[in-house]
Amino acid sequence: MGLPGGETVSSSPPFELFGADHGTALVVVVLSTVAGYLWGRSAGRDGGDRRAAILLAVLLIIVELVKPWLAIGVYQQPWAENLPLHLCRISTLLTAVMLLSRSYRLFEVAYFWVLGGGIPALLTPDLAHGFPHPMFFAYFVGHGLTLTAILFAVPGFGFRPRLASIGLTVIASLGLMLVVIPVNALLDTNYLYLREKPPEPSLYDFLGPWPWYIVSTWLVGLLLCLATYAPFPILQYLRKHRPGKTTDGR
């Protein structure tokens, strides 16, 4: 399969899990996520949150247009395998719509999908090729930008997930599965990895054989939802009970 400049897919550097390139990409993603949160705080204070949100949404949409163009148009992958039906791609589009509409209800689901799905995807990417392959950049830029955007919305819009948001996310995830199952059957695809594990090493390898790893994935996802929700009630408790604060709130 040809690549630009005469390179072939087989000659591209293979992706090395937790190798130097993977580690560097993770550091960049962490820094960009922190920057997104700080940007949200600054934008919220100066009233520029709307402009910043539109910019982030446009960037997210551009990334999601570039991915299938690369996969289908450049590397000639089947179109059926590049529909926006994996959780990370749906999360990216949902986050873009949330930023444009400033919808708290969309934020409730996007927050847990982005963090709960994005963190494992970044730690164990479903990637065959490493740096400097274009798909390597597309993968980490897409995931990193989505994390940056969702963390921007926390201070930028003043959004906070509720405990009930986890239940809403579970319902949305079940609905997504009901949509994807017949699509996988019709197109012989593996969206949401419901039919088999990713070919590359991943967290799924520790969650048991099919179909039990699907149940395990749900349990891990629920734990990640609780873990990413926990900072908010903890910080609220610490602020309420910080030293020097009286019981009447003064």
Protein backbone atom coordinates (compact mmCIF):
# COMPACT_ATOMS: atom_id res chain seq x y z
CA MET A 1 0.00 0.00 0.00
CA GLY A 2 1.61 3.24 -1.09
CA LEU A 3 2.25 6.31 1.01
CA PRO A 4 3.26 9.82 -0.03
CA GLY A 5 6.85 10.10 -1.16
CA GLY A 6 7.12 6.46 -2.14
CA GLU A 7 7.05 5.15 1.43
CA THR A 8 5.13 1.95 2.05
CA VAL A 9 3.05 1.06 5.07
CA SER A 10 5.23 -1.97 5.76
CA SER A 11 8.37 0.21 5.87
CA SER A 12 6.89 2.72 8.31
CA PRO A 13 8.22 2.50 11.87
CA PRO A 14 6.02 0.22 14.01
CA PHE A 15 4.33 1.69 17.03
CA GLU A 16 6.13 0.77 20.26
CA LEU A 17 3.92 0.70 23.34
CA PHE A 18 5.43 2.99 26.02
CA GLY A 19 8.42 3.62 23.80
CA ALA A 20 10.10 7.00 23.52
CA ASP A 21 7.68 8.30 20.88
CA HIS A 22 4.65 7.10 22.82
CA GLY A 23 5.98 8.64 26.03
CA THR A 24 6.71 11.95 24.33
CA ALA A 25 3.20 12.02 22.85
CA LEU A 26 1.68 11.37 26.28
CA VAL A 27 3.68 14.22 27.83
CA VAL A 28 2.52 16.59 25.09
CA VAL A 29 -1.11 15.50 25.62
CA VAL A 30 -0.86 16.09 29.39
CA LEU A 31 0.63 19.54 28.85
CA SER A 32 -2.02 20.46 26.29
CA THR A 33 -4.77 19.27 28.63
CA VAL A 34 -3.44 21.43 31.47
CA ALA A 35 -3.16 24.32 29.02
CA GLY A 36 -6.78 23.76 27.99
CA TYR A 37 -7.95 23.99 31.60
CA LEU A 38 -5.93 27.16 32.21
CA TRP A 39 -7.16 28.60 28.91
CA GLY A 40 -10.73 27.93 30.04
CA ARG A 41 -10.14 29.79 33.30
CA SER A 42 -8.67 32.77 31.47
CA ALA A 43 -11.36 32.79 28.77
CA GLY A 44 -14.12 32.57 31.35
CA ARG A 45 -12.77 35.58 33.24
CA ASP A 46 -12.36 37.87 30.24
CA GLY A 47 -15.59 36.85 28.51
CA GLY A 48 -13.79 35.25 25.58
CA ASP A 49 -15.01 31.74 26.27
CA ARG A 50 -17.39 31.77 23.28
CA ARG A 51 -14.66 32.61 20.76
CA ALA A 52 -12.25 30.11 22.29
CA ALA A 53 -14.94 27.41 22.29
CA ILE A 54 -15.69 27.99 18.60
CA LEU A 55 -11.98 27.75 17.76
CA LEU A 56 -11.63 24.46 19.64
CA ALA A 57 -14.78 23.07 18.02
CA VAL A 58 -13.53 23.95 14.54
CA LEU A 59 -10.19 22.29 15.24
CA LEU A 60 -11.93 19.15 16.47
CA ILE A 61 -14.07 18.98 13.34
CA ILE A 62 -11.04 19.49 11.10
CA VAL A 63 -9.21 16.63 12.81
CA GLU A 64 -12.22 14.36 12.36
CA LEU A 65 -12.33 15.21 8.66
CA VAL A 66 -8.60 14.62 8.21
CA LYS A 67 -8.68 11.14 9.81
CA PRO A 68 -10.99 9.47 7.27
CA TRP A 69 -9.34 11.39 4.43
CA LEU A 70 -5.99 9.92 5.43
CA ALA A 71 -7.33 6.44 6.06
CA ILE A 72 -9.55 6.16 2.98
CA GLY A 73 -8.13 8.64 0.50
CA VAL A 74 -4.41 8.22 1.16
CA TYR A 75 -4.00 4.72 2.61
CA GLN A 76 -6.95 3.14 0.79
CA GLN A 77 -8.53 1.58 3.85
CA PRO A 78 -12.15 0.38 3.53
CA TRP A 79 -14.69 3.14 4.12
CA ALA A 80 -16.81 0.77 6.21
CA GLU A 81 -14.03 0.61 8.81
CA ASN A 82 -13.69 4.38 9.06
CA LEU A 83 -17.15 5.53 10.03
CA PRO A 84 -17.31 7.72 13.17
CA LEU A 85 -18.62 4.88 15.33
CA HIS A 86 -15.74 4.21 17.70
CA LEU A 87 -16.24 5.84 21.09
CA CYS A 88 -13.30 8.22 20.78
CA ARG A 89 -14.45 9.61 17.44
CA ILE A 90 -18.03 9.98 18.64
CA SER A 91 -16.69 11.72 21.76
CA THR A 92 -14.75 14.18 19.61
CA LEU A 93 -17.80 15.10 17.54
CA LEU A 94 -20.01 15.28 20.64
CA THR A 95 -17.48 17.60 22.30
CA ALA A 96 -17.43 19.86 19.24
CA VAL A 97 -21.23 20.14 19.25
CA MET A 98 -21.18 20.74 23.02
CA LEU A 99 -18.72 23.61 22.58
CA LEU A 100 -20.79 25.21 19.82
CA SER A 101 -24.12 24.80 21.59
CA ARG A 102 -22.83 25.25 25.14
CA SER A 103 -25.05 22.34 26.10
CA TYR A 104 -24.61 21.08 29.64
CA ARG A 105 -26.51 17.87 28.87
CA LEU A 106 -24.03 17.02 26.11
CA PHE A 107 -21.18 17.90 28.45
CA GLU A 108 -22.42 15.36 31.00
CA VAL A 109 -21.92 12.51 28.55
CA ALA A 110 -18.94 13.92 26.66
CA TYR A 111 -16.95 14.46 29.86
CA PHE A 112 -17.04 10.78 30.84
CA TRP A 113 -16.72 9.46 27.31
CA VAL A 114 -13.68 11.63 26.65
CA LEU A 115 -11.89 10.88 29.91
CA GLY A 116 -13.14 7.33 30.45
CA GLY A 117 -12.50 6.29 26.85
CA GLY A 118 -9.66 8.62 25.94
CA ILE A 119 -7.29 7.80 28.78
CA PRO A 120 -7.14 4.03 28.07
CA ALA A 121 -6.95 4.79 24.33
CA LEU A 122 -3.94 7.03 24.90
CA LEU A 123 -2.21 4.56 27.21
CA THR A 124 -2.74 1.58 24.88
CA PRO A 125 -3.36 2.99 21.38
CA ASP A 126 -4.77 0.86 18.59
CA LEU A 127 -1.95 1.95 16.29
CA ALA A 128 0.20 -0.05 13.90
CA HIS A 129 2.65 2.74 12.99
CA GLY A 130 4.71 5.07 15.13
CA PHE A 131 6.31 8.48 14.72
CA PRO A 132 6.44 10.15 12.19
CA HIS A 133 3.61 8.33 10.45
CA PRO A 134 0.67 10.69 9.67
CA MET A 135 -1.79 8.36 11.42
CA PHE A 136 0.35 8.60 14.56
CA PHE A 137 -0.06 12.37 14.52
CA ALA A 138 -3.77 12.16 13.69
CA TYR A 139 -4.37 9.76 16.57
CA PHE A 140 -2.62 11.71 19.29
CA VAL A 141 -3.64 15.15 18.04
CA GLY A 142 -7.27 14.03 17.92
CA HIS A 143 -7.29 12.48 21.40
CA GLY A 144 -5.20 15.25 22.93
CA LEU A 145 -7.32 18.02 21.44
CA THR A 146 -10.53 16.38 22.66
CA LEU A 147 -9.16 16.16 26.21
CA THR A 148 -8.03 19.79 25.97
CA ALA A 149 -11.50 20.85 24.84
CA ILE A 150 -13.45 18.99 27.51
CA LEU A 151 -11.18 20.32 30.27
CA PHE A 152 -11.55 23.82 28.78
CA ALA A 153 -15.33 23.60 29.28
CA VAL A 154 -15.01 22.96 33.02
CA PRO A 155 -13.76 26.45 33.99
CA GLY A 156 -14.64 28.14 30.68
CA PHE A 157 -18.35 27.31 30.89
CA GLY A 158 -18.46 26.56 34.60
CA PHE A 159 -19.62 23.00 33.86
CA ARG A 160 -19.30 20.27 36.48
CA PRO A 161 -20.37 16.64 36.12
CA ARG A 162 -22.97 15.36 38.56
CA LEU A 163 -23.18 11.90 40.04
CA ALA A 164 -26.35 11.50 37.97
CA SER A 165 -24.24 12.26 34.88
CA ILE A 166 -22.67 8.81 35.24
CA GLY A 167 -26.10 7.20 34.96
CA LEU A 168 -26.87 9.32 31.92
CA THR A 169 -23.57 8.22 30.37
CA VAL A 170 -24.37 4.56 31.00
CA ILE A 171 -27.74 4.96 29.25
CA ALA A 172 -26.10 6.76 26.31
CA SER A 173 -23.43 4.03 26.08
CA LEU A 174 -26.05 1.30 26.01
CA GLY A 175 -27.92 3.17 23.29
CA LEU A 176 -24.71 3.46 21.28
CA MET A 177 -24.10 -0.27 21.59
CA LEU A 178 -27.60 -1.01 20.30
CA VAL A 179 -26.82 1.10 17.23
CA VAL A 180 -23.36 -0.37 16.63
CA ILE A 181 -24.23 -4.07 17.00
CA PRO A 182 -26.34 -4.26 13.81
CA VAL A 183 -23.85 -2.02 11.96
CA ASN A 184 -21.04 -4.45 12.83
CA ALA A 185 -23.16 -7.37 11.66
CA LEU A 186 -24.16 -5.65 8.41
CA LEU A 187 -20.72 -4.29 7.46
CA ASP A 188 -18.55 -7.00 9.08
CA THR A 189 -16.79 -4.35 11.19
CA ASN A 190 -15.61 -4.19 14.79
CA TYR A 191 -16.77 -0.84 16.12
CA LEU A 192 -16.49 -0.49 19.91
CA TYR A 193 -14.46 -3.73 19.72
CA LEU A 194 -17.63 -5.72 20.31
CA ARG A 195 -16.66 -8.63 18.04
CA GLU A 196 -12.98 -9.02 18.91
CA LYS A 197 -10.13 -7.31 20.71
CA PRO A 198 -7.90 -4.74 18.96
CA PRO A 199 -5.01 -6.34 17.06
CA GLU A 200 -2.46 -4.20 18.93
CA PRO A 201 -1.61 -4.71 22.65
CA SER A 202 -4.21 -2.98 24.79
CA LEU A 203 -6.07 -2.97 28.09
CA TYR A 204 -8.50 -5.47 26.55
CA ASP A 205 -5.79 -8.14 26.77
CA PHE A 206 -6.19 -8.14 30.57
CA LEU A 207 -9.98 -8.27 30.61
CA GLY A 208 -10.60 -11.87 29.62
CA PRO A 209 -11.69 -13.61 26.41
CA TRP A 210 -14.65 -12.68 24.23
CA PRO A 211 -17.40 -12.00 25.20
CA TRP A 212 -16.42 -11.59 28.84
CA TYR A 213 -14.03 -8.72 28.13
CA ILE A 214 -17.05 -6.66 27.07
CA VAL A 215 -18.51 -6.98 30.58
CA SER A 216 -15.09 -6.26 32.10
CA THR A 217 -14.78 -3.17 29.91
CA TRP A 218 -18.05 -1.84 31.28
CA LEU A 219 -16.83 -2.37 34.85
CA VAL A 220 -13.53 -0.62 34.11
CA GLY A 221 -15.43 2.19 32.40
CA LEU A 222 -17.66 2.63 35.44
CA LEU A 223 -14.60 2.79 37.72
CA LEU A 224 -13.03 5.40 35.44
CA CYS A 225 -16.24 7.44 35.53
CA LEU A 226 -16.19 7.40 39.32
CA ALA A 227 -12.48 8.26 39.38
CA THR A 228 -12.89 11.24 37.03
CA TYR A 229 -15.97 12.44 38.92
CA ALA A 230 -14.32 12.15 42.37
CA PRO A 231 -12.18 15.33 42.21
CA PHE A 232 -15.27 17.55 42.12
CA PRO A 233 -16.95 16.45 45.39
CA ILE A 234 -13.54 16.16 47.05
CA LEU A 235 -12.61 19.75 46.13
CA GLN A 236 -16.06 20.94 47.16
CA TYR A 237 -15.65 19.26 50.54
CA LEU A 238 -12.16 20.71 51.05
CA ARG A 239 -13.37 24.23 50.21
CA LYS A 240 -16.29 23.88 52.60
CA HIS A 241 -14.08 22.64 55.42
CA ARG A 242 -10.91 24.61 54.77
CA PRO A 243 -9.15 25.92 57.92
CA GLY A 244 -10.40 29.27 59.09
CA LYS A 245 -13.85 28.98 57.53
CA THR A 246 -16.70 29.23 60.03
CA THR A 247 -19.77 26.99 59.99
CA ASP A 248 -21.96 29.82 58.65
CA GLY A 249 -19.77 29.97 55.51
CA ARG A 250 -17.79 33.14 56.39
